[in-house]
PDB file of N, CA and C in Angstrom:
ATOM      1  N   MET A   1     -14.449  59.122  17.294  1.00  0.00           N
ATOM      2  CA  MET A   1     -13.058  59.349  16.974  1.00  0.00           C
ATOM      3  C   MET A   1     -12.325  58.011  17.024  1.00  0.00           C
ATOM      4  N   ARG A   2     -11.544  57.747  16.018  1.00  0.00           N
ATOM      5  CA  ARG A   2     -10.809  56.495  15.902  1.00  0.00           C
ATOM      6  C   ARG A   2      -9.444  56.613  16.591  1.00  0.00           C
ATOM      7  N   PRO A   3      -9.064  55.622  17.427  1.00  0.00           N
ATOM      8  CA  PRO A   3      -7.744  55.674  18.075  1.00  0.00           C
ATOM      9  C   PRO A   3      -6.626  55.614  17.034  1.00  0.00           C
ATOM     10  N   VAL A   4      -5.544  56.311  17.297  1.00  0.00           N
ATOM     11  CA  VAL A   4      -4.390  56.336  16.403  1.00  0.00           C
ATOM     12  C   VAL A   4      -3.210  55.726  17.145  1.00  0.00           C
ATOM     13  N   PRO A   5      -2.543  54.729  16.538  1.00  0.00           N
ATOM     14  CA  PRO A   5      -1.363  54.154  17.195  1.00  0.00           C
ATOM     15  C   PRO A   5      -0.281  55.218  17.399  1.00  0.00           C
ATOM     16  N   LEU A   6       0.291  55.249  18.568  1.00  0.00           N
ATOM     17  CA  LEU A   6       1.289  56.246  18.925  1.00  0.00           C
ATOM     18  C   LEU A   6       2.464  56.250  17.952  1.00  0.00           C
ATOM     19  N   LEU A   7       2.908  55.070  17.541  1.00  0.00           N
ATOM     20  CA  LEU A   7       4.081  54.990  16.680  1.00  0.00           C
ATOM     21  C   LEU A   7       3.807  55.453  15.258  1.00  0.00           C
ATOM     22  N   SER A   8       2.536  55.655  14.901  1.00  0.00           N
ATOM     23  CA  SER A   8       2.228  56.130  13.557  1.00  0.00           C
ATOM     24  C   SER A   8       2.254  57.655  13.475  1.00  0.00           C
ATOM     25  N   LEU A   9       2.398  58.339  14.595  1.00  0.00           N
ATOM     26  CA  LEU A   9       2.423  59.795  14.608  1.00  0.00           C
ATOM     27  C   LEU A   9       3.780  60.314  14.129  1.00  0.00           C
ATOM     28  N   ALA A  10       3.766  61.449  13.493  1.00  0.00           N
ATOM     29  CA  ALA A  10       4.994  62.051  12.973  1.00  0.00           C
ATOM     30  C   ALA A  10       5.901  62.477  14.124  1.00  0.00           C
ATOM     31  N   GLY A  11       7.191  62.342  13.915  1.00  0.00           N
ATOM     32  CA  GLY A  11       8.170  62.718  14.921  1.00  0.00           C
ATOM     33  C   GLY A  11       8.083  64.178  15.306  1.00  0.00           C
ATOM     34  N   GLU A  12       7.776  65.046  14.335  1.00  0.00           N
ATOM     35  CA  GLU A  12       7.657  66.474  14.625  1.00  0.00           C
ATOM     36  C   GLU A  12       6.525  66.718  15.624  1.00  0.00           C
ATOM     37  N   TYR A  13       5.448  65.976  15.494  1.00  0.00           N
ATOM     38  CA  TYR A  13       4.330  66.114  16.417  1.00  0.00           C
ATOM     39  C   TYR A  13       4.728  65.615  17.814  1.00  0.00           C
ATOM     40  N   LEU A  14       5.357  64.452  17.855  1.00  0.00           N
ATOM     41  CA  LEU A  14       5.725  63.866  19.141  1.00  0.00           C
ATOM     42  C   LEU A  14       6.734  64.725  19.893  1.00  0.00           C
ATOM     43  N   ASP A  15       7.571  65.471  19.169  1.00  0.00           N
ATOM     44  CA  ASP A  15       8.539  66.345  19.821  1.00  0.00           C
ATOM     45  C   ASP A  15       7.865  67.463  20.598  1.00  0.00           C
ATOM     46  N   ARG A  16       6.631  67.830  20.202  1.00  0.00           N
ATOM     47  CA  ARG A  16       5.929  68.936  20.851  1.00  0.00           C
ATOM     48  C   ARG A  16       4.927  68.477  21.908  1.00  0.00           C
ATOM     49  N   VAL A  17       4.745  67.176  22.069  1.00  0.00           N
ATOM     50  CA  VAL A  17       3.745  66.651  23.002  1.00  0.00           C
ATOM     51  C   VAL A  17       4.292  66.691  24.428  1.00  0.00           C
ATOM     52  N   GLU A  18       3.465  67.116  25.364  1.00  0.00           N
ATOM     53  CA  GLU A  18       3.831  67.128  26.785  1.00  0.00           C
ATOM     54  C   GLU A  18       3.013  66.068  27.507  1.00  0.00           C
ATOM     55  N   HIS A  19       3.587  65.425  28.485  1.00  0.00           N
ATOM     56  CA  HIS A  19       2.885  64.422  29.274  1.00  0.00           C
ATOM     57  C   HIS A  19       1.850  65.128  30.136  1.00  0.00           C
ATOM     58  N   LEU A  20       0.635  64.608  30.168  1.00  0.00           N
ATOM     59  CA  LEU A  20      -0.459  65.246  30.885  1.00  0.00           C
ATOM     60  C   LEU A  20      -0.135  65.454  32.367  1.00  0.00           C
ATOM     61  N   ALA A  21       0.514  64.499  32.992  1.00  0.00           N
ATOM     62  CA  ALA A  21       0.867  64.635  34.410  1.00  0.00           C
ATOM     63  C   ALA A  21       1.809  65.811  34.618  1.00  0.00           C
ATOM     64  N   ASP A  22       2.726  66.045  33.668  1.00  0.00           N
ATOM     65  CA  ASP A  22       3.642  67.179  33.773  1.00  0.00           C
ATOM     66  C   ASP A  22       2.887  68.496  33.676  1.00  0.00           C
ATOM     67  N   VAL A  23       1.904  68.556  32.779  1.00  0.00           N
ATOM     68  CA  VAL A  23       1.133  69.776  32.595  1.00  0.00           C
ATOM     69  C   VAL A  23       0.300  70.071  33.827  1.00  0.00           C
ATOM     70  N   ARG A  24      -0.359  69.051  34.371  1.00  0.00           N
ATOM     71  CA  ARG A  24      -1.208  69.248  35.552  1.00  0.00           C
ATOM     72  C   ARG A  24      -0.409  69.677  36.770  1.00  0.00           C
ATOM     73  N   SER A  25       0.802  69.151  36.910  1.00  0.00           N
ATOM     74  CA  SER A  25       1.604  69.485  38.083  1.00  0.00           C
ATOM     75  C   SER A  25       2.349  70.803  37.916  1.00  0.00           C
ATOM     76  N   GLY A  26       2.321  71.352  36.708  1.00  0.00           N
ATOM     77  CA  GLY A  26       3.035  72.602  36.448  1.00  0.00           C
ATOM     78  C   GLY A  26       4.521  72.408  36.291  1.00  0.00           C
ATOM     79  N   GLN A  27       4.965  71.176  36.116  1.00  0.00           N
ATOM     80  CA  GLN A  27       6.387  70.888  36.017  1.00  0.00           C
ATOM     81  C   GLN A  27       6.781  70.525  34.588  1.00  0.00           C
ATOM     82  N   VAL A  28       6.231  71.211  33.619  1.00  0.00           N
ATOM     83  CA  VAL A  28       6.588  70.945  32.234  1.00  0.00           C
ATOM     84  C   VAL A  28       8.039  71.343  32.040  1.00  0.00           C
ATOM     85  N   LEU A  29       8.821  70.411  31.546  1.00  0.00           N
ATOM     86  CA  LEU A  29      10.239  70.666  31.349  1.00  0.00           C
ATOM     87  C   LEU A  29      10.463  71.255  29.957  1.00  0.00           C
ATOM     88  N   THR A  30      11.379  72.166  29.851  1.00  0.00           N
ATOM     89  CA  THR A  30      11.728  72.716  28.551  1.00  0.00           C
ATOM     90  C   THR A  30      12.650  71.729  27.868  1.00  0.00           C
ATOM     91  N   ARG A  31      12.291  71.385  26.661  1.00  0.00           N
ATOM     92  CA  ARG A  31      13.092  70.428  25.910  1.00  0.00           C
ATOM     93  C   ARG A  31      14.085  71.172  25.036  1.00  0.00           C
ATOM     94  N   ALA A  32      15.266  70.612  24.921  1.00  0.00           N
ATOM     95  CA  ALA A  32      16.268  71.198  24.037  1.00  0.00           C
ATOM     96  C   ALA A  32      15.798  71.052  22.604  1.00  0.00           C
ATOM     97  N   THR A  33      16.041  72.052  21.799  1.00  0.00           N
ATOM     98  CA  THR A  33      15.606  72.015  20.405  1.00  0.00           C
ATOM     99  C   THR A  33      16.824  71.941  19.506  1.00  0.00           C
ATOM    100  N   SER A  34      17.579  70.886  19.631  1.00  0.00           N
ATOM    101  CA  SER A  34      18.756  70.723  18.790  1.00  0.00           C
ATOM    102  C   SER A  34      18.359  70.015  17.511  1.00  0.00           C
ATOM    103  N   ALA A  35      19.146  70.199  16.483  1.00  0.00           N
ATOM    104  CA  ALA A  35      18.879  69.541  15.212  1.00  0.00           C
ATOM    105  C   ALA A  35      19.278  68.075  15.261  1.00  0.00           C
ATOM    106  N   ALA A  36      20.058  67.708  16.243  1.00  0.00           N
ATOM    107  CA  ALA A  36      20.506  66.315  16.353  1.00  0.00           C
ATOM    108  C   ALA A  36      19.376  65.440  16.860  1.00  0.00           C
ATOM    109  N   PRO A  37      19.242  64.227  16.300  1.00  0.00           N
ATOM    110  CA  PRO A  37      18.205  63.316  16.775  1.00  0.00           C
ATOM    111  C   PRO A  37      18.544  62.807  18.168  1.00  0.00           C
ATOM    112  N   PRO A  38      17.563  62.242  18.884  1.00  0.00           N
ATOM    113  CA  PRO A  38      17.864  61.679  20.200  1.00  0.00           C
ATOM    114  C   PRO A  38      18.883  60.560  20.077  1.00  0.00           C
ATOM    115  N   PRO A  39      19.576  60.244  21.163  1.00  0.00           N
ATOM    116  CA  PRO A  39      20.585  59.186  21.099  1.00  0.00           C
ATOM    117  C   PRO A  39      19.977  57.896  20.590  1.00  0.00           C
ATOM    118  N   ALA A  40      20.719  57.216  19.738  1.00  0.00           N
ATOM    119  CA  ALA A  40      20.233  55.964  19.158  1.00  0.00           C
ATOM    120  C   ALA A  40      20.194  54.880  20.209  1.00  0.00           C
ATOM    121  N   ALA A  41      19.424  53.844  19.927  1.00  0.00           N
ATOM    122  CA  ALA A  41      19.316  52.727  20.853  1.00  0.00           C
ATOM    123  C   ALA A  41      20.671  52.077  21.077  1.00  0.00           C
ATOM    124  N   ALA A  42      21.566  52.225  20.112  1.00  0.00           N
ATOM    125  CA  ALA A  42      22.887  51.623  20.251  1.00  0.00           C
ATOM    126  C   ALA A  42      23.638  52.193  21.449  1.00  0.00           C
ATOM    127  N   SER A  43      23.302  53.406  21.866  1.00  0.00           N
ATOM    128  CA  SER A  43      24.011  53.994  22.990  1.00  0.00           C
ATOM    129  C   SER A  43      23.578  53.401  24.330  1.00  0.00           C
ATOM    130  N   GLU A  44      22.497  52.647  24.360  1.00  0.00           N
ATOM    131  CA  GLU A  44      22.014  52.068  25.612  1.00  0.00           C
ATOM    132  C   GLU A  44      23.060  51.170  26.263  1.00  0.00           C
ATOM    133  N   ALA A  45      23.656  50.285  25.483  1.00  0.00           N
ATOM    134  CA  ALA A  45      24.646  49.376  26.060  1.00  0.00           C
ATOM    135  C   ALA A  45      25.939  49.389  25.263  1.00  0.00           C
ATOM    136  N   GLY A  46      26.115  50.380  24.429  1.00  0.00           N
ATOM    137  CA  GLY A  46      27.317  50.490  23.631  1.00  0.00           C
ATOM    138  C   GLY A  46      27.285  49.578  22.421  1.00  0.00           C
ATOM    139  N   GLY A  47      27.980  49.973  21.362  1.00  0.00           N
ATOM    140  CA  GLY A  47      28.051  49.154  20.174  1.00  0.00           C
ATOM    141  C   GLY A  47      26.910  49.419  19.218  1.00  0.00           C
ATOM    142  N   ALA A  48      26.894  48.641  18.147  1.00  0.00           N
ATOM    143  CA  ALA A  48      25.881  48.812  17.110  1.00  0.00           C
ATOM    144  C   ALA A  48      24.818  47.742  17.240  1.00  0.00           C
ATOM    145  N   GLY A  49      23.772  47.894  16.484  1.00  0.00           N
ATOM    146  CA  GLY A  49      22.699  46.905  16.496  1.00  0.00           C
ATOM    147  C   GLY A  49      21.440  47.466  17.110  1.00  0.00           C
ATOM    148  N   LEU A  50      20.480  46.609  17.317  1.00  0.00           N
ATOM    149  CA  LEU A  50      19.187  46.977  17.874  1.00  0.00           C
ATOM    150  C   LEU A  50      19.145  46.548  19.335  1.00  0.00           C
ATOM    151  N   PHE A  51      18.522  47.350  20.168  1.00  0.00           N
ATOM    152  CA  PHE A  51      18.570  47.126  21.611  1.00  0.00           C
ATOM    153  C   PHE A  51      17.174  46.947  22.179  1.00  0.00           C
ATOM    154  N   CYS A  52      16.968  45.913  23.000  1.00  0.00           N
ATOM    155  CA  CYS A  52      15.719  45.712  23.728  1.00  0.00           C
ATOM    156  C   CYS A  52      15.963  46.197  25.142  1.00  0.00           C
ATOM    157  N   LYS A  53      15.344  47.323  25.485  1.00  0.00           N
ATOM    158  CA  LYS A  53      15.537  47.912  26.807  1.00  0.00           C
ATOM    159  C   LYS A  53      14.877  47.061  27.893  1.00  0.00           C
ATOM    160  N   THR A  54      13.804  46.353  27.542  1.00  0.00           N
ATOM    161  CA  THR A  54      13.092  45.524  28.508  1.00  0.00           C
ATOM    162  C   THR A  54      13.969  44.381  29.018  1.00  0.00           C
ATOM    163  N   SER A  55      14.674  43.714  28.095  1.00  0.00           N
ATOM    164  CA  SER A  55      15.530  42.583  28.476  1.00  0.00           C
ATOM    165  C   SER A  55      16.990  42.969  28.600  1.00  0.00           C
ATOM    166  N   ASN A  56      17.320  44.230  28.269  1.00  0.00           N
ATOM    167  CA  ASN A  56      18.694  44.720  28.353  1.00  0.00           C
ATOM    168  C   ASN A  56      19.637  43.863  27.504  1.00  0.00           C
ATOM    169  N   VAL A  57      19.260  43.689  26.232  1.00  0.00           N
ATOM    170  CA  VAL A  57      20.051  42.853  25.333  1.00  0.00           C
ATOM    171  C   VAL A  57      20.095  43.482  23.945  1.00  0.00           C
ATOM    172  N   ARG A  58      21.182  43.265  23.222  1.00  0.00           N
ATOM    173  CA  ARG A  58      21.393  43.815  21.892  1.00  0.00           C
ATOM    174  C   ARG A  58      21.246  42.708  20.833  1.00  0.00           C
ATOM    175  N   PHE A  59      20.700  43.092  19.682  1.00  0.00           N
ATOM    176  CA  PHE A  59      20.534  42.168  18.561  1.00  0.00           C
ATOM    177  C   PHE A  59      21.160  42.769  17.319  1.00  0.00           C
ATOM    178  N   GLU A  60      21.724  41.921  16.486  1.00  0.00           N
ATOM    179  CA  GLU A  60      22.384  42.384  15.268  1.00  0.00           C
ATOM    180  C   GLU A  60      21.394  42.693  14.153  1.00  0.00           C
ATOM    181  N   THR A  61      20.260  41.989  14.110  1.00  0.00           N
ATOM    182  CA  THR A  61      19.313  42.181  13.015  1.00  0.00           C
ATOM    183  C   THR A  61      17.914  42.464  13.553  1.00  0.00           C
ATOM    184  N   ALA A  62      17.106  43.088  12.716  1.00  0.00           N
ATOM    185  CA  ALA A  62      15.718  43.363  13.084  1.00  0.00           C
ATOM    186  C   ALA A  62      14.945  42.054  13.235  1.00  0.00           C
ATOM    187  N   GLU A  63      15.276  41.068  12.428  1.00  0.00           N
ATOM    188  CA  GLU A  63      14.585  39.776  12.523  1.00  0.00           C
ATOM    189  C   GLU A  63      14.860  39.104  13.867  1.00  0.00           C
ATOM    190  N   ALA A  64      16.085  39.179  14.341  1.00  0.00           N
ATOM    191  CA  ALA A  64      16.421  38.601  15.652  1.00  0.00           C
ATOM    192  C   ALA A  64      15.656  39.322  16.759  1.00  0.00           C
ATOM    193  N   LEU A  65      15.529  40.648  16.645  1.00  0.00           N
ATOM    194  CA  LEU A  65      14.778  41.410  17.637  1.00  0.00           C
ATOM    195  C   LEU A  65      13.293  41.026  17.593  1.00  0.00           C
ATOM    196  N   ARG A  66      12.742  40.873  16.381  1.00  0.00           N
ATOM    197  CA  ARG A  66      11.336  40.447  16.259  1.00  0.00           C
ATOM    198  C   ARG A  66      11.118  39.081  16.895  1.00  0.00           C
ATOM    199  N   GLN A  67      12.027  38.155  16.657  1.00  0.00           N
ATOM    200  CA  GLN A  67      11.906  36.823  17.267  1.00  0.00           C
ATOM    201  C   GLN A  67      11.978  36.928  18.784  1.00  0.00           C
ATOM    202  N   HIS A  68      12.836  37.799  19.295  1.00  0.00           N
ATOM    203  CA  HIS A  68      12.958  37.999  20.738  1.00  0.00           C
ATOM    204  C   HIS A  68      11.632  38.477  21.325  1.00  0.00           C
ATOM    205  N   TYR A  69      10.957  39.391  20.611  1.00  0.00           N
ATOM    206  CA  TYR A  69       9.688  39.930  21.092  1.00  0.00           C
ATOM    207  C   TYR A  69       8.603  38.856  21.208  1.00  0.00           C
ATOM    208  N   HIS A  70       8.784  37.722  20.570  1.00  0.00           N
ATOM    209  CA  HIS A  70       7.820  36.618  20.647  1.00  0.00           C
ATOM    210  C   HIS A  70       8.266  35.520  21.616  1.00  0.00           C
ATOM    211  N   SER A  71       9.371  35.748  22.321  1.00  0.00           N
ATOM    212  CA  SER A  71       9.924  34.708  23.192  1.00  0.00           C
ATOM    213  C   SER A  71       9.339  34.784  24.603  1.00  0.00           C
ATOM    214  N   ASP A  72       9.390  33.645  25.287  1.00  0.00           N
ATOM    215  CA  ASP A  72       8.958  33.594  26.691  1.00  0.00           C
ATOM    216  C   ASP A  72       9.881  34.431  27.573  1.00  0.00           C
ATOM    217  N   TRP A  73      11.154  34.499  27.206  1.00  0.00           N
ATOM    218  CA  TRP A  73      12.114  35.302  27.952  1.00  0.00           C
ATOM    219  C   TRP A  73      11.698  36.776  27.937  1.00  0.00           C
ATOM    220  N   TYR A  74      11.330  37.301  26.769  1.00  0.00           N
ATOM    221  CA  TYR A  74      10.878  38.692  26.669  1.00  0.00           C
ATOM    222  C   TYR A  74       9.590  38.895  27.468  1.00  0.00           C
ATOM    223  N   ARG A  75       8.658  37.952  27.363  1.00  0.00           N
ATOM    224  CA  ARG A  75       7.386  38.087  28.083  1.00  0.00           C
ATOM    225  C   ARG A  75       7.616  38.129  29.601  1.00  0.00           C
ATOM    226  N   LEU A  76       8.538  37.309  30.085  1.00  0.00           N
ATOM    227  CA  LEU A  76       8.863  37.327  31.516  1.00  0.00           C
ATOM    228  C   LEU A  76       9.423  38.699  31.912  1.00  0.00           C
ATOM    229  N   ASN A  77      10.356  39.214  31.119  1.00  0.00           N
ATOM    230  CA  ASN A  77      10.954  40.508  31.435  1.00  0.00           C
ATOM    231  C   ASN A  77       9.947  41.646  31.304  1.00  0.00           C
ATOM    232  N   LEU A  78       8.992  41.523  30.402  1.00  0.00           N
ATOM    233  CA  LEU A  78       7.945  42.528  30.268  1.00  0.00           C
ATOM    234  C   LEU A  78       7.083  42.570  31.524  1.00  0.00           C
ATOM    235  N   LYS A  79       6.745  41.403  32.051  1.00  0.00           N
ATOM    236  CA  LYS A  79       5.976  41.334  33.303  1.00  0.00           C
ATOM    237  C   LYS A  79       6.782  41.901  34.466  1.00  0.00           C
ATOM    238  N   ARG A  80       8.078  41.575  34.502  1.00  0.00           N
ATOM    239  CA  ARG A  80       8.934  42.077  35.582  1.00  0.00           C
ATOM    240  C   ARG A  80       9.056  43.596  35.505  1.00  0.00           C
ATOM    241  N   ALA A  81       9.174  44.124  34.301  1.00  0.00           N
ATOM    242  CA  ALA A  81       9.272  45.580  34.126  1.00  0.00           C
ATOM    243  C   ALA A  81       7.992  46.255  34.610  1.00  0.00           C
ATOM    244  N   GLY A  82       6.855  45.636  34.379  1.00  0.00           N
ATOM    245  CA  GLY A  82       5.586  46.174  34.836  1.00  0.00           C
ATOM    246  C   GLY A  82       5.495  46.234  36.357  1.00  0.00           C
ATOM    247  N   ARG A  83       6.232  45.349  37.020  1.00  0.00           N
ATOM    248  CA  ARG A  83       6.253  45.336  38.488  1.00  0.00           C
ATOM    249  C   ARG A  83       7.425  46.140  39.053  1.00  0.00           C
ATOM    250  N   GLY A  84       8.205  46.759  38.160  1.00  0.00           N
ATOM    251  CA  GLY A  84       9.355  47.546  38.610  1.00  0.00           C
ATOM    252  C   GLY A  84      10.560  46.707  38.990  1.00  0.00           C
ATOM    253  N   GLU A  85      10.614  45.460  38.537  1.00  0.00           N
ATOM    254  CA  GLU A  85      11.739  44.571  38.843  1.00  0.00           C
ATOM    255  C   GLU A  85      12.750  44.609  37.704  1.00  0.00           C
ATOM    256  N   PRO A  86      14.018  44.317  37.984  1.00  0.00           N
ATOM    257  CA  PRO A  86      15.037  44.320  36.928  1.00  0.00           C
ATOM    258  C   PRO A  86      14.865  43.121  35.992  1.00  0.00           C
ATOM    259  N   PRO A  87      15.394  43.215  34.769  1.00  0.00           N
ATOM    260  CA  PRO A  87      15.264  42.101  33.830  1.00  0.00           C
ATOM    261  C   PRO A  87      16.109  40.903  34.238  1.00  0.00           C
ATOM    262  N   VAL A  88      15.689  39.744  33.762  1.00  0.00           N
ATOM    263  CA  VAL A  88      16.425  38.498  33.964  1.00  0.00           C
ATOM    264  C   VAL A  88      17.259  38.270  32.711  1.00  0.00           C
ATOM    265  N   SER A  89      18.521  37.888  32.876  1.00  0.00           N
ATOM    266  CA  SER A  89      19.372  37.600  31.722  1.00  0.00           C
ATOM    267  C   SER A  89      18.883  36.334  31.025  1.00  0.00           C
ATOM    268  N   GLU A  90      19.370  36.120  29.823  1.00  0.00           N
ATOM    269  CA  GLU A  90      18.972  34.912  29.092  1.00  0.00           C
ATOM    270  C   GLU A  90      19.414  33.665  29.846  1.00  0.00           C
ATOM    271  N   ALA A  91      20.620  33.698  30.405  1.00  0.00           N
ATOM    272  CA  ALA A  91      21.110  32.555  31.180  1.00  0.00           C
ATOM    273  C   ALA A  91      20.257  32.355  32.432  1.00  0.00           C
ATOM    274  N   GLY A  92      19.882  33.452  33.074  1.00  0.00           N
ATOM    275  CA  GLY A  92      19.016  33.365  34.249  1.00  0.00           C
ATOM    276  C   GLY A  92      17.652  32.804  33.898  1.00  0.00           C
ATOM    277  N   PHE A  93      17.126  33.210  32.737  1.00  0.00           N
ATOM    278  CA  PHE A  93      15.844  32.687  32.286  1.00  0.00           C
ATOM    279  C   PHE A  93      15.936  31.182  32.044  1.00  0.00           C
ATOM    280  N   GLU A  94      16.995  30.757  31.376  1.00  0.00           N
ATOM    281  CA  GLU A  94      17.187  29.323  31.105  1.00  0.00           C
ATOM    282  C   GLU A  94      17.280  28.536  32.399  1.00  0.00           C
ATOM    283  N   ALA A  95      17.975  29.080  33.392  1.00  0.00           N
ATOM    284  CA  ALA A  95      18.090  28.392  34.687  1.00  0.00           C
ATOM    285  C   ALA A  95      16.720  28.277  35.353  1.00  0.00           C
ATOM    286  N   LEU A  96      15.920  29.347  35.299  1.00  0.00           N
ATOM    287  CA  LEU A  96      14.570  29.291  35.869  1.00  0.00           C
ATOM    288  C   LEU A  96      13.695  28.275  35.144  1.00  0.00           C
ATOM    289  N   ALA A  97      13.818  28.250  33.811  1.00  0.00           N
ATOM    290  CA  ALA A  97      13.023  27.314  33.012  1.00  0.00           C
ATOM    291  C   ALA A  97      13.442  25.863  33.298  1.00  0.00           C
ATOM    292  N   ASP A  98      14.736  25.624  33.400  1.00  0.00           N
ATOM    293  CA  ASP A  98      15.252  24.274  33.657  1.00  0.00           C
ATOM    294  C   ASP A  98      14.856  23.786  35.061  1.00  0.00           C
ATOM    295  N   SER A  99      14.767  24.703  36.005  1.00  0.00           N
ATOM    296  CA  SER A  99      14.438  24.295  37.373  1.00  0.00           C
ATOM    297  C   SER A  99      12.921  24.160  37.591  1.00  0.00           C
ATOM    298  N   GLY A 100      12.142  24.525  36.576  1.00  0.00           N
ATOM    299  CA  GLY A 100      10.694  24.393  36.677  1.00  0.00           C
ATOM    300  C   GLY A 100      10.017  25.522  37.442  1.00  0.00           C
ATOM    301  N   GLN A 101      10.713  26.620  37.681  1.00  0.00           N
ATOM    302  CA  GLN A 101      10.154  27.730  38.438  1.00  0.00           C
ATOM    303  C   GLN A 101       9.245  28.631  37.593  1.00  0.00           C
ATOM    304  N   LEU A 102       9.143  28.348  36.301  1.00  0.00           N
ATOM    305  CA  LEU A 102       8.326  29.173  35.414  1.00  0.00           C
ATOM    306  C   LEU A 102       7.031  28.457  35.010  1.00  0.00           C
ATOM    307  N   ALA A 103       6.492  27.675  35.887  1.00  0.00           N
ATOM    308  CA  ALA A 103       5.302  26.894  35.551  1.00  0.00           C
ATOM    309  C   ALA A 103       4.096  27.704  35.326  1.00  0.00           C
TER     310      ALA A 103
END
């Protein structure tokens, strides 16, 4: 069986998928079946644009968001998120980089 990327699955399918841990624990939550789509990423921090939840920052264009995903700042915040730590702001990242703490 060939692995299928999660993001390539149809939204209708993903709406019906339950997390295995929820099923095993018997705590499957009933999901609302409204016709409205889930809240857009713009609602994360208010305003329009694209939002990176990992770094808690908004971008005006998809290209800017793609560039962010290739940055050292994003990689640092991705590692911090994996450890359950809060994200570092861009200014905080620059200060860490300037002080040599990111060696």
